[in-house]
Amino acid sequence: MKTITGLLCDLVLERTGIHIDEKASDLFIEKLSGLIADRGFTSLLDYYYLLKYDAEASVEWPKVIDAITVRETFFWREFDQIRLLVSSILPRHFKNHAMSPFRIWCAAAASGEEPLTIAMAIDQAGFSGYPIEIVASDVSPAALRTAREGLYRERSFRNMSPEMRETYFKRQGDRWQINPYIQQKVTWTIANLTKEDEISGLAASNVIFCRNVFIYFHEDRIRKTVKTFANRILPPGFLFVGAPESLLKLTSDFQLNEMNGAFVYVRCFREEIT
């Protein structure tokens, strides 16, 4: 018979796709302790019932996800993939399709550094006047509030040159404000990657960035999410995942390619992608 900790781990897996290893269960409960205290509960069972049955569960789940995941991000992170986007994928698209719209979806945007990096890179590459849409989603309302605010501390700039920061940000006290011209290039929305109805429309994109989120997911959930991507992504269909992540044993819908020094999964449509 499962312990309440085991039941709670199963519930988190069911609702979020996040797999809690048995060895990490004590740390998992420790991370939830503040939320449990905030609710005035003294029993883990009470918190389990709240998440499973209570009408306020929808408000609580984003807090749980924030508590148990490490949302570490910064500007210019894993930039080789973004460089591939602006140096190869975008030029080829607009060469072959003139001014046909191009959509980029950042599926786990956290506090916004990734989609804003993409917007800055597109501007630097001279594509700002082209019909490019950047949509950034995350399951956390708190993270998206930070992204919409566009104020960042020094730690977010450790991979960005001072010259780039001066170009696209304005100092405000101990933080830096993103240029509104770049901020308006990104549309922000809440979406849970485990909910097909929330992501199927977003997945109808030319490029999907879903980096450093599958490391938290159980393999079955990764397969389901990637299948949704495959069913909806627009040809030729490029999917970028994080460096520690591999889909090779989880899907046949995408083929791993190395292009210009960066790795990208390309949708296996009937037309061969070169």
C-alpha atoms as a PDB file:
ATOM      1  CA  MET A   1       0.000   0.000   0.000  1.00  0.00           C
ATOM      2  CA  LYS A   2       1.372   3.409  -0.994  1.00  0.00           C
ATOM      3  CA  THR A   3       2.355   6.028   1.531  1.00  0.00           C
ATOM      4  CA  ILE A   4       0.860   9.501   1.329  1.00  0.00           C
ATOM      5  CA  THR A   5       4.190  10.698  -0.086  1.00  0.00           C
ATOM      6  CA  GLY A   6       3.928   8.082  -2.826  1.00  0.00           C
ATOM      7  CA  LEU A   7       0.333   9.087  -3.585  1.00  0.00           C
ATOM      8  CA  LEU A   8       1.358  12.733  -3.788  1.00  0.00           C
ATOM      9  CA  CYS A   9       4.227  11.878  -6.144  1.00  0.00           C
ATOM     10  CA  ASP A  10       1.797   9.936  -8.341  1.00  0.00           C
ATOM     11  CA  LEU A  11      -0.599  12.887  -8.364  1.00  0.00           C
ATOM     12  CA  VAL A  12       2.167  15.274  -9.412  1.00  0.00           C
ATOM     13  CA  LEU A  13       3.127  12.897 -12.226  1.00  0.00           C
ATOM     14  CA  GLU A  14      -0.485  12.621 -13.368  1.00  0.00           C
ATOM     15  CA  ARG A  15      -1.193  16.374 -13.358  1.00  0.00           C
ATOM     16  CA  THR A  16       2.157  17.790 -14.461  1.00  0.00           C
ATOM     17  CA  GLY A  17       4.198  15.012 -16.072  1.00  0.00           C
ATOM     18  CA  ILE A  18       6.971  15.641 -13.534  1.00  0.00           C
ATOM     19  CA  HIS A  19       8.512  12.435 -12.234  1.00  0.00           C
ATOM     20  CA  ILE A  20       9.711  12.457  -8.620  1.00  0.00           C
ATOM     21  CA  ASP A  21      12.375   9.832  -8.047  1.00  0.00           C
ATOM     22  CA  GLU A  22      11.854   7.795  -4.867  1.00  0.00           C
ATOM     23  CA  LYS A  23      15.315   8.829  -3.670  1.00  0.00           C
ATOM     24  CA  ALA A  24      14.304  12.473  -3.954  1.00  0.00           C
ATOM     25  CA  SER A  25      10.966  12.162  -2.161  1.00  0.00           C
ATOM     26  CA  ASP A  26      12.241  13.702   1.095  1.00  0.00           C
ATOM     27  CA  LEU A  27      13.548  16.739  -0.777  1.00  0.00           C
ATOM     28  CA  PHE A  28      10.258  16.906  -2.672  1.00  0.00           C
ATOM     29  CA  ILE A  29       8.261  17.119   0.566  1.00  0.00           C
ATOM     30  CA  GLU A  30      10.711  19.659   1.962  1.00  0.00           C
ATOM     31  CA  LYS A  31      10.126  21.890  -1.086  1.00  0.00           C
ATOM     32  CA  LEU A  32       6.377  21.701  -0.489  1.00  0.00           C
ATOM     33  CA  SER A  33       6.631  22.431   3.235  1.00  0.00           C
ATOM     34  CA  GLY A  34       6.257  26.198   2.792  1.00  0.00           C
ATOM     35  CA  LEU A  35       3.108  25.798   0.716  1.00  0.00           C
ATOM     36  CA  ILE A  36       1.652  23.371   3.243  1.00  0.00           C
ATOM     37  CA  ALA A  37       2.376  25.838   6.049  1.00  0.00           C
ATOM     38  CA  ASP A  38       0.836  28.697   4.073  1.00  0.00           C
ATOM     39  CA  ARG A  39      -2.387  26.727   3.916  1.00  0.00           C
ATOM     40  CA  GLY A  40      -2.303  26.196   7.652  1.00  0.00           C
ATOM     41  CA  PHE A  41      -2.128  22.437   7.273  1.00  0.00           C
ATOM     42  CA  THR A  42      -0.262  20.152   9.640  1.00  0.00           C
ATOM     43  CA  SER A  43      -0.983  17.011   7.635  1.00  0.00           C
ATOM     44  CA  LEU A  44       0.430  16.046   4.230  1.00  0.00           C
ATOM     45  CA  LEU A  45      -2.824  14.175   3.641  1.00  0.00           C
ATOM     46  CA  ASP A  46      -4.784  17.436   3.886  1.00  0.00           C
ATOM     47  CA  TYR A  47      -2.579  18.974   1.212  1.00  0.00           C
ATOM     48  CA  TYR A  48      -3.003  15.920  -1.001  1.00  0.00           C
ATOM     49  CA  TYR A  49      -6.796  16.232  -0.783  1.00  0.00           C
ATOM     50  CA  LEU A  50      -6.569  19.932  -1.585  1.00  0.00           C
ATOM     51  CA  LEU A  51      -4.585  19.244  -4.767  1.00  0.00           C
ATOM     52  CA  LYS A  52      -6.752  16.313  -5.825  1.00  0.00           C
ATOM     53  CA  TYR A  53     -10.279  17.420  -4.961  1.00  0.00           C
ATOM     54  CA  ASP A  54     -10.514  21.023  -3.780  1.00  0.00           C
ATOM     55  CA  ALA A  55     -11.941  23.796  -5.957  1.00  0.00           C
ATOM     56  CA  GLU A  56      -8.810  25.843  -5.221  1.00  0.00           C
ATOM     57  CA  ALA A  57      -6.502  23.186  -6.690  1.00  0.00           C
ATOM     58  CA  SER A  58      -6.143  25.092  -9.965  1.00  0.00           C
ATOM     59  CA  VAL A  59      -4.677  28.016  -8.029  1.00  0.00           C
ATOM     60  CA  GLU A  60      -2.325  25.792  -6.039  1.00  0.00           C
ATOM     61  CA  TRP A  61      -0.818  23.691  -8.840  1.00  0.00           C
ATOM     62  CA  PRO A  62       1.308  26.485 -10.387  1.00  0.00           C
ATOM     63  CA  LYS A  63       2.777  27.092  -6.916  1.00  0.00           C
ATOM     64  CA  VAL A  64       3.635  23.401  -6.623  1.00  0.00           C
ATOM     65  CA  ILE A  65       5.391  23.428  -9.993  1.00  0.00           C
ATOM     66  CA  ASP A  66       7.363  26.546  -9.035  1.00  0.00           C
ATOM     67  CA  ALA A  67       8.402  24.901  -5.763  1.00  0.00           C
ATOM     68  CA  ILE A  68       9.624  21.594  -7.175  1.00  0.00           C
ATOM     69  CA  THR A  69      11.351  22.734 -10.369  1.00  0.00           C
ATOM     70  CA  VAL A  70      14.574  24.680 -10.807  1.00  0.00           C
ATOM     71  CA  ARG A  71      13.684  27.507 -13.180  1.00  0.00           C
ATOM     72  CA  GLU A  72      17.238  28.559 -14.014  1.00  0.00           C
ATOM     73  CA  THR A  73      17.541  30.620 -17.165  1.00  0.00           C
ATOM     74  CA  PHE A  74      19.549  33.517 -18.545  1.00  0.00           C
ATOM     75  CA  PHE A  75      20.048  35.486 -21.743  1.00  0.00           C
ATOM     76  CA  TRP A  76      22.034  33.911 -24.603  1.00  0.00           C
ATOM     77  CA  ARG A  77      21.746  30.433 -23.037  1.00  0.00           C
ATOM     78  CA  GLU A  78      22.628  27.574 -25.458  1.00  0.00           C
ATOM     79  CA  PHE A  79      22.886  30.237 -28.141  1.00  0.00           C
ATOM     80  CA  ASP A  80      24.144  27.894 -30.891  1.00  0.00           C
ATOM     81  CA  GLN A  81      20.556  26.791 -31.525  1.00  0.00           C
ATOM     82  CA  ILE A  82      19.281  30.358 -31.740  1.00  0.00           C
ATOM     83  CA  ARG A  83      22.183  31.209 -34.041  1.00  0.00           C
ATOM     84  CA  LEU A  84      21.046  28.361 -36.305  1.00  0.00           C
ATOM     85  CA  LEU A  85      17.548  29.831 -36.314  1.00  0.00           C
ATOM     86  CA  VAL A  86      18.640  33.307 -37.449  1.00  0.00           C
ATOM     87  CA  SER A  87      21.550  32.304 -39.703  1.00  0.00           C
ATOM     88  CA  SER A  88      19.960  29.388 -41.565  1.00  0.00           C
ATOM     89  CA  ILE A  89      16.320  28.537 -40.822  1.00  0.00           C
ATOM     90  CA  LEU A  90      14.867  32.041 -41.179  1.00  0.00           C
ATOM     91  CA  PRO A  91      16.875  32.971 -44.321  1.00  0.00           C
ATOM     92  CA  ARG A  92      15.848  29.712 -46.018  1.00  0.00           C
ATOM     93  CA  HIS A  93      12.197  30.201 -45.104  1.00  0.00           C
ATOM     94  CA  PHE A  94      11.965  33.732 -46.446  1.00  0.00           C
ATOM     95  CA  LYS A  95      13.997  32.876 -49.542  1.00  0.00           C
ATOM     96  CA  ASN A  96      11.582  30.074 -50.412  1.00  0.00           C
ATOM     97  CA  HIS A  97       8.344  31.637 -49.184  1.00  0.00           C
ATOM     98  CA  ALA A  98       8.902  35.393 -49.596  1.00  0.00           C
ATOM     99  CA  MET A  99       6.892  37.152 -46.864  1.00  0.00           C
ATOM    100  CA  SER A 100       4.998  34.103 -45.631  1.00  0.00           C
ATOM    101  CA  PRO A 101       4.437  34.291 -41.829  1.00  0.00           C
ATOM    102  CA  PHE A 102       6.828  32.409 -39.572  1.00  0.00           C
ATOM    103  CA  ARG A 103       5.913  31.348 -36.040  1.00  0.00           C
ATOM    104  CA  ILE A 104       8.241  30.492 -33.155  1.00  0.00           C
ATOM    105  CA  TRP A 105       6.895  28.961 -29.935  1.00  0.00           C
ATOM    106  CA  CYS A 106       8.935  28.955 -26.723  1.00  0.00           C
ATOM    107  CA  ALA A 107       7.106  26.228 -24.828  1.00  0.00           C
ATOM    108  CA  ALA A 108       8.724  26.702 -21.401  1.00  0.00           C
ATOM    109  CA  ALA A 109       9.558  30.398 -21.291  1.00  0.00           C
ATOM    110  CA  ALA A 110       9.951  30.745 -17.499  1.00  0.00           C
ATOM    111  CA  SER A 111      10.824  34.387 -16.741  1.00  0.00           C
ATOM    112  CA  GLY A 112      11.287  35.277 -20.398  1.00  0.00           C
ATOM    113  CA  GLU A 113      15.015  35.284 -21.092  1.00  0.00           C
ATOM    114  CA  GLU A 114      14.804  32.705 -23.898  1.00  0.00           C
ATOM    115  CA  PRO A 115      12.091  34.329 -26.082  1.00  0.00           C
ATOM    116  CA  LEU A 116      13.598  37.779 -25.530  1.00  0.00           C
ATOM    117  CA  THR A 117      16.996  36.430 -26.601  1.00  0.00           C
ATOM    118  CA  ILE A 118      15.344  35.123 -29.765  1.00  0.00           C
ATOM    119  CA  ALA A 119      13.712  38.505 -30.386  1.00  0.00           C
ATOM    120  CA  MET A 120      17.054  40.304 -29.941  1.00  0.00           C
ATOM    121  CA  ALA A 121      18.859  37.811 -32.192  1.00  0.00           C
ATOM    122  CA  ILE A 122      16.224  38.277 -34.904  1.00  0.00           C
ATOM    123  CA  ASP A 123      16.657  42.037 -34.639  1.00  0.00           C
ATOM    124  CA  GLN A 124      20.442  41.725 -34.823  1.00  0.00           C
ATOM    125  CA  ALA A 125      20.148  39.520 -37.922  1.00  0.00           C
ATOM    126  CA  GLY A 126      18.024  42.108 -39.730  1.00  0.00           C
ATOM    127  CA  PHE A 127      14.723  40.219 -39.743  1.00  0.00           C
ATOM    128  CA  SER A 128      12.668  42.620 -37.610  1.00  0.00           C
ATOM    129  CA  GLY A 129      10.652  43.770 -40.598  1.00  0.00           C
ATOM    130  CA  TYR A 130       9.587  40.246 -41.517  1.00  0.00           C
ATOM    131  CA  PRO A 131       6.302  38.598 -40.430  1.00  0.00           C
ATOM    132  CA  ILE A 132       7.751  36.638 -37.502  1.00  0.00           C
ATOM    133  CA  GLU A 133       5.589  35.810 -34.486  1.00  0.00           C
ATOM    134  CA  ILE A 134       7.159  34.760 -31.181  1.00  0.00           C
ATOM    135  CA  VAL A 135       4.810  33.115 -28.686  1.00  0.00           C
ATOM    136  CA  ALA A 136       6.120  32.315 -25.207  1.00  0.00           C
ATOM    137  CA  SER A 137       4.217  30.114 -22.770  1.00  0.00           C
ATOM    138  CA  ASP A 138       4.733  28.763 -19.299  1.00  0.00           C
ATOM    139  CA  VAL A 139       2.645  26.975 -16.707  1.00  0.00           C
ATOM    140  CA  SER A 140       3.645  29.454 -13.986  1.00  0.00           C
ATOM    141  CA  PRO A 141       1.684  32.711 -13.684  1.00  0.00           C
ATOM    142  CA  ALA A 142       4.433  34.090 -11.418  1.00  0.00           C
ATOM    143  CA  ALA A 143       7.122  33.437 -14.038  1.00  0.00           C
ATOM    144  CA  LEU A 144       5.042  35.075 -16.754  1.00  0.00           C
ATOM    145  CA  ARG A 145       4.442  38.129 -14.575  1.00  0.00           C
ATOM    146  CA  THR A 146       8.216  38.542 -14.376  1.00  0.00           C
ATOM    147  CA  ALA A 147       8.499  38.060 -18.133  1.00  0.00           C
ATOM    148  CA  ARG A 148       5.835  40.660 -18.875  1.00  0.00           C
ATOM    149  CA  GLU A 149       7.450  43.090 -16.449  1.00  0.00           C
ATOM    150  CA  GLY A 150      10.748  42.722 -18.296  1.00  0.00           C
ATOM    151  CA  LEU A 151      13.007  43.681 -15.378  1.00  0.00           C
ATOM    152  CA  TYR A 152      16.114  41.546 -14.835  1.00  0.00           C
ATOM    153  CA  ARG A 153      18.961  41.348 -12.352  1.00  0.00           C
ATOM    154  CA  GLU A 154      22.666  40.979 -13.109  1.00  0.00           C
ATOM    155  CA  ARG A 155      22.614  37.165 -12.930  1.00  0.00           C
ATOM    156  CA  SER A 156      20.467  37.022 -16.064  1.00  0.00           C
ATOM    157  CA  PHE A 157      23.248  38.669 -18.113  1.00  0.00           C
ATOM    158  CA  ARG A 158      26.180  36.367 -17.406  1.00  0.00           C
ATOM    159  CA  ASN A 159      26.275  35.166 -21.022  1.00  0.00           C
ATOM    160  CA  MET A 160      25.509  38.520 -22.647  1.00  0.00           C
ATOM    161  CA  SER A 161      28.097  41.125 -23.595  1.00  0.00           C
ATOM    162  CA  PRO A 162      27.897  44.547 -21.925  1.00  0.00           C
ATOM    163  CA  GLU A 163      27.469  46.068 -25.390  1.00  0.00           C
ATOM    164  CA  MET A 164      24.367  43.978 -26.072  1.00  0.00           C
ATOM    165  CA  ARG A 165      22.925  44.817 -22.699  1.00  0.00           C
ATOM    166  CA  GLU A 166      23.435  48.537 -23.306  1.00  0.00           C
ATOM    167  CA  THR A 167      21.730  48.192 -26.692  1.00  0.00           C
ATOM    168  CA  TYR A 168      18.580  46.448 -25.524  1.00  0.00           C
ATOM    169  CA  PHE A 169      18.202  47.339 -21.836  1.00  0.00           C
ATOM    170  CA  LYS A 170      17.969  50.425 -19.665  1.00  0.00           C
ATOM    171  CA  ARG A 171      19.209  50.403 -16.083  1.00  0.00           C
ATOM    172  CA  GLN A 172      16.592  50.908 -13.377  1.00  0.00           C
ATOM    173  CA  GLY A 173      18.244  50.816  -9.963  1.00  0.00           C
ATOM    174  CA  ASP A 174      19.730  47.365  -9.455  1.00  0.00           C
ATOM    175  CA  ARG A 175      17.829  45.888 -12.391  1.00  0.00           C
ATOM    176  CA  TRP A 176      17.633  46.290 -16.157  1.00  0.00           C
ATOM    177  CA  GLN A 177      14.477  46.988 -18.196  1.00  0.00           C
ATOM    178  CA  ILE A 178      14.088  45.356 -21.615  1.00  0.00           C
ATOM    179  CA  ASN A 179      13.540  47.720 -24.534  1.00  0.00           C
ATOM    180  CA  PRO A 180       9.766  47.940 -25.211  1.00  0.00           C
ATOM    181  CA  TYR A 181      10.486  47.496 -28.924  1.00  0.00           C
ATOM    182  CA  ILE A 182      11.821  43.985 -28.164  1.00  0.00           C
ATOM    183  CA  GLN A 183       9.243  43.214 -25.485  1.00  0.00           C
ATOM    184  CA  GLN A 184       6.365  43.809 -27.888  1.00  0.00           C
ATOM    185  CA  LYS A 185       7.796  41.208 -30.266  1.00  0.00           C
ATOM    186  CA  VAL A 186       6.748  38.456 -27.822  1.00  0.00           C
ATOM    187  CA  THR A 187       3.227  37.301 -26.962  1.00  0.00           C
ATOM    188  CA  TRP A 188       2.998  35.761 -23.486  1.00  0.00           C
ATOM    189  CA  THR A 189       0.466  33.104 -22.492  1.00  0.00           C
ATOM    190  CA  ILE A 190      -0.117  30.441 -19.843  1.00  0.00           C
ATOM    191  CA  ALA A 191      -0.031  26.815 -21.001  1.00  0.00           C
ATOM    192  CA  ASN A 192       0.577  23.463 -19.347  1.00  0.00           C
ATOM    193  CA  LEU A 193       2.600  21.108 -21.552  1.00  0.00           C
ATOM    194  CA  THR A 194       0.690  18.131 -20.165  1.00  0.00           C
ATOM    195  CA  LYS A 195      -2.645  19.510 -21.417  1.00  0.00           C
ATOM    196  CA  GLU A 196      -3.095  18.743 -25.101  1.00  0.00           C
ATOM    197  CA  ASP A 197      -5.962  21.187 -25.465  1.00  0.00           C
ATOM    198  CA  GLU A 198      -3.747  24.005 -24.134  1.00  0.00           C
ATOM    199  CA  ILE A 199      -0.769  23.358 -26.419  1.00  0.00           C
ATOM    200  CA  SER A 200      -2.139  21.965 -29.683  1.00  0.00           C
ATOM    201  CA  GLY A 201      -2.809  25.433 -31.066  1.00  0.00           C
ATOM    202  CA  LEU A 202       0.565  26.736 -29.914  1.00  0.00           C
ATOM    203  CA  ALA A 203       2.331  23.758 -31.496  1.00  0.00           C
ATOM    204  CA  ALA A 204       1.138  24.891 -34.932  1.00  0.00           C
ATOM    205  CA  SER A 205       4.466  26.689 -35.327  1.00  0.00           C
ATOM    206  CA  ASN A 206       7.428  26.496 -37.674  1.00  0.00           C
ATOM    207  CA  VAL A 207       9.909  26.198 -34.800  1.00  0.00           C
ATOM    208  CA  ILE A 208       9.380  24.973 -31.243  1.00  0.00           C
ATOM    209  CA  PHE A 209      11.845  25.625 -28.446  1.00  0.00           C
ATOM    210  CA  CYS A 210      11.162  23.237 -25.554  1.00  0.00           C
ATOM    211  CA  ARG A 211      14.467  23.302 -23.725  1.00  0.00           C
ATOM    212  CA  ASN A 212      15.379  21.977 -20.281  1.00  0.00           C
ATOM    213  CA  VAL A 213      11.854  20.977 -19.313  1.00  0.00           C
ATOM    214  CA  PHE A 214      11.728  17.303 -20.360  1.00  0.00           C
ATOM    215  CA  ILE A 215      14.399  16.566 -17.745  1.00  0.00           C
ATOM    216  CA  TYR A 216      11.555  16.769 -15.220  1.00  0.00           C
ATOM    217  CA  PHE A 217       9.077  14.644 -17.206  1.00  0.00           C
ATOM    218  CA  HIS A 218       8.368  10.936 -17.122  1.00  0.00           C
ATOM    219  CA  GLU A 219       9.093   9.213 -20.451  1.00  0.00           C
ATOM    220  CA  ASP A 220       5.412   8.520 -21.140  1.00  0.00           C
ATOM    221  CA  ARG A 221       4.582  12.191 -20.732  1.00  0.00           C
ATOM    222  CA  ILE A 222       7.458  13.208 -23.019  1.00  0.00           C
ATOM    223  CA  ARG A 223       6.151  10.856 -25.704  1.00  0.00           C
ATOM    224  CA  LYS A 224       2.642  12.293 -25.496  1.00  0.00           C
ATOM    225  CA  THR A 225       3.854  15.886 -25.554  1.00  0.00           C
ATOM    226  CA  VAL A 226       6.216  15.297 -28.476  1.00  0.00           C
ATOM    227  CA  LYS A 227       3.423  13.513 -30.362  1.00  0.00           C
ATOM    228  CA  THR A 228       1.290  16.633 -30.002  1.00  0.00           C
ATOM    229  CA  PHE A 229       4.209  18.682 -31.335  1.00  0.00           C
ATOM    230  CA  ALA A 230       4.600  16.296 -34.277  1.00  0.00           C
ATOM    231  CA  ASN A 231       0.901  16.363 -35.138  1.00  0.00           C
ATOM    232  CA  ARG A 232       0.727  20.146 -35.234  1.00  0.00           C
ATOM    233  CA  ILE A 233       4.158  21.530 -36.167  1.00  0.00           C
ATOM    234  CA  LEU A 234       4.367  23.250 -39.558  1.00  0.00           C
ATOM    235  CA  PRO A 235       6.670  21.888 -42.297  1.00  0.00           C
ATOM    236  CA  PRO A 236       9.580  21.457 -42.295  1.00  0.00           C
ATOM    237  CA  GLY A 237       9.199  21.556 -38.495  1.00  0.00           C
ATOM    238  CA  PHE A 238      12.167  22.232 -36.212  1.00  0.00           C
ATOM    239  CA  LEU A 239      12.179  21.237 -32.526  1.00  0.00           C
ATOM    240  CA  PHE A 240      14.935  22.388 -30.179  1.00  0.00           C
ATOM    241  CA  VAL A 241      15.426  20.669 -26.803  1.00  0.00           C
ATOM    242  CA  GLY A 242      18.045  21.247 -24.125  1.00  0.00           C
ATOM    243  CA  ALA A 243      21.570  19.864 -24.251  1.00  0.00           C
ATOM    244  CA  PRO A 244      20.944  17.241 -21.480  1.00  0.00           C
ATOM    245  CA  GLU A 245      17.792  15.968 -23.195  1.00  0.00           C
ATOM    246  CA  SER A 246      17.453  13.263 -25.859  1.00  0.00           C
ATOM    247  CA  LEU A 247      14.384  12.115 -27.790  1.00  0.00           C
ATOM    248  CA  LEU A 248      16.139   9.394 -29.784  1.00  0.00           C
ATOM    249  CA  LYS A 249      14.475   6.489 -27.933  1.00  0.00           C
ATOM    250  CA  LEU A 250      11.153   8.261 -27.453  1.00  0.00           C
ATOM    251  CA  THR A 251       9.947   9.283 -30.909  1.00  0.00           C
ATOM    252  CA  SER A 252      10.267   8.382 -34.570  1.00  0.00           C
ATOM    253  CA  ASP A 253       8.399  11.499 -35.649  1.00  0.00           C
ATOM    254  CA  PHE A 254      11.499  13.660 -35.401  1.00  0.00           C
ATOM    255  CA  GLN A 255      15.005  13.002 -36.695  1.00  0.00           C
ATOM    256  CA  LEU A 256      18.052  14.431 -34.932  1.00  0.00           C
ATOM    257  CA  ASN A 257      20.156  16.601 -37.249  1.00  0.00           C
ATOM    258  CA  GLU A 258      23.333  18.585 -36.810  1.00  0.00           C
ATOM    259  CA  MET A 259      23.152  21.845 -38.726  1.00  0.00           C
ATOM    260  CA  ASN A 260      25.813  24.531 -38.635  1.00  0.00           C
ATOM    261  CA  GLY A 261      27.200  23.218 -35.362  1.00  0.00           C
ATOM    262  CA  ALA A 262      23.860  22.936 -33.551  1.00  0.00           C
ATOM    263  CA  PHE A 263      21.562  19.983 -32.886  1.00  0.00           C
ATOM    264  CA  VAL A 264      17.901  20.151 -33.872  1.00  0.00           C
ATOM    265  CA  TYR A 265      15.103  17.633 -34.240  1.00  0.00           C
ATOM    266  CA  VAL A 266      13.437  17.868 -37.653  1.00  0.00           C
ATOM    267  CA  ARG A 267       9.932  16.578 -38.275  1.00  0.00           C
ATOM    268  CA  CYS A 268       9.927  13.508 -40.530  1.00  0.00           C
ATOM    269  CA  PHE A 269       7.485  14.597 -43.216  1.00  0.00           C
ATOM    270  CA  ARG A 270       7.474  12.774 -46.545  1.00  0.00           C
ATOM    271  CA  GLU A 271       9.567  15.529 -48.101  1.00  0.00           C
ATOM    272  CA  GLU A 272      13.230  15.024 -47.167  1.00  0.00           C
ATOM    273  CA  ILE A 273      14.822  17.807 -45.139  1.00  0.00           C
ATOM    274  CA  THR A 274      18.429  18.698 -45.977  1.00  0.00           C
END
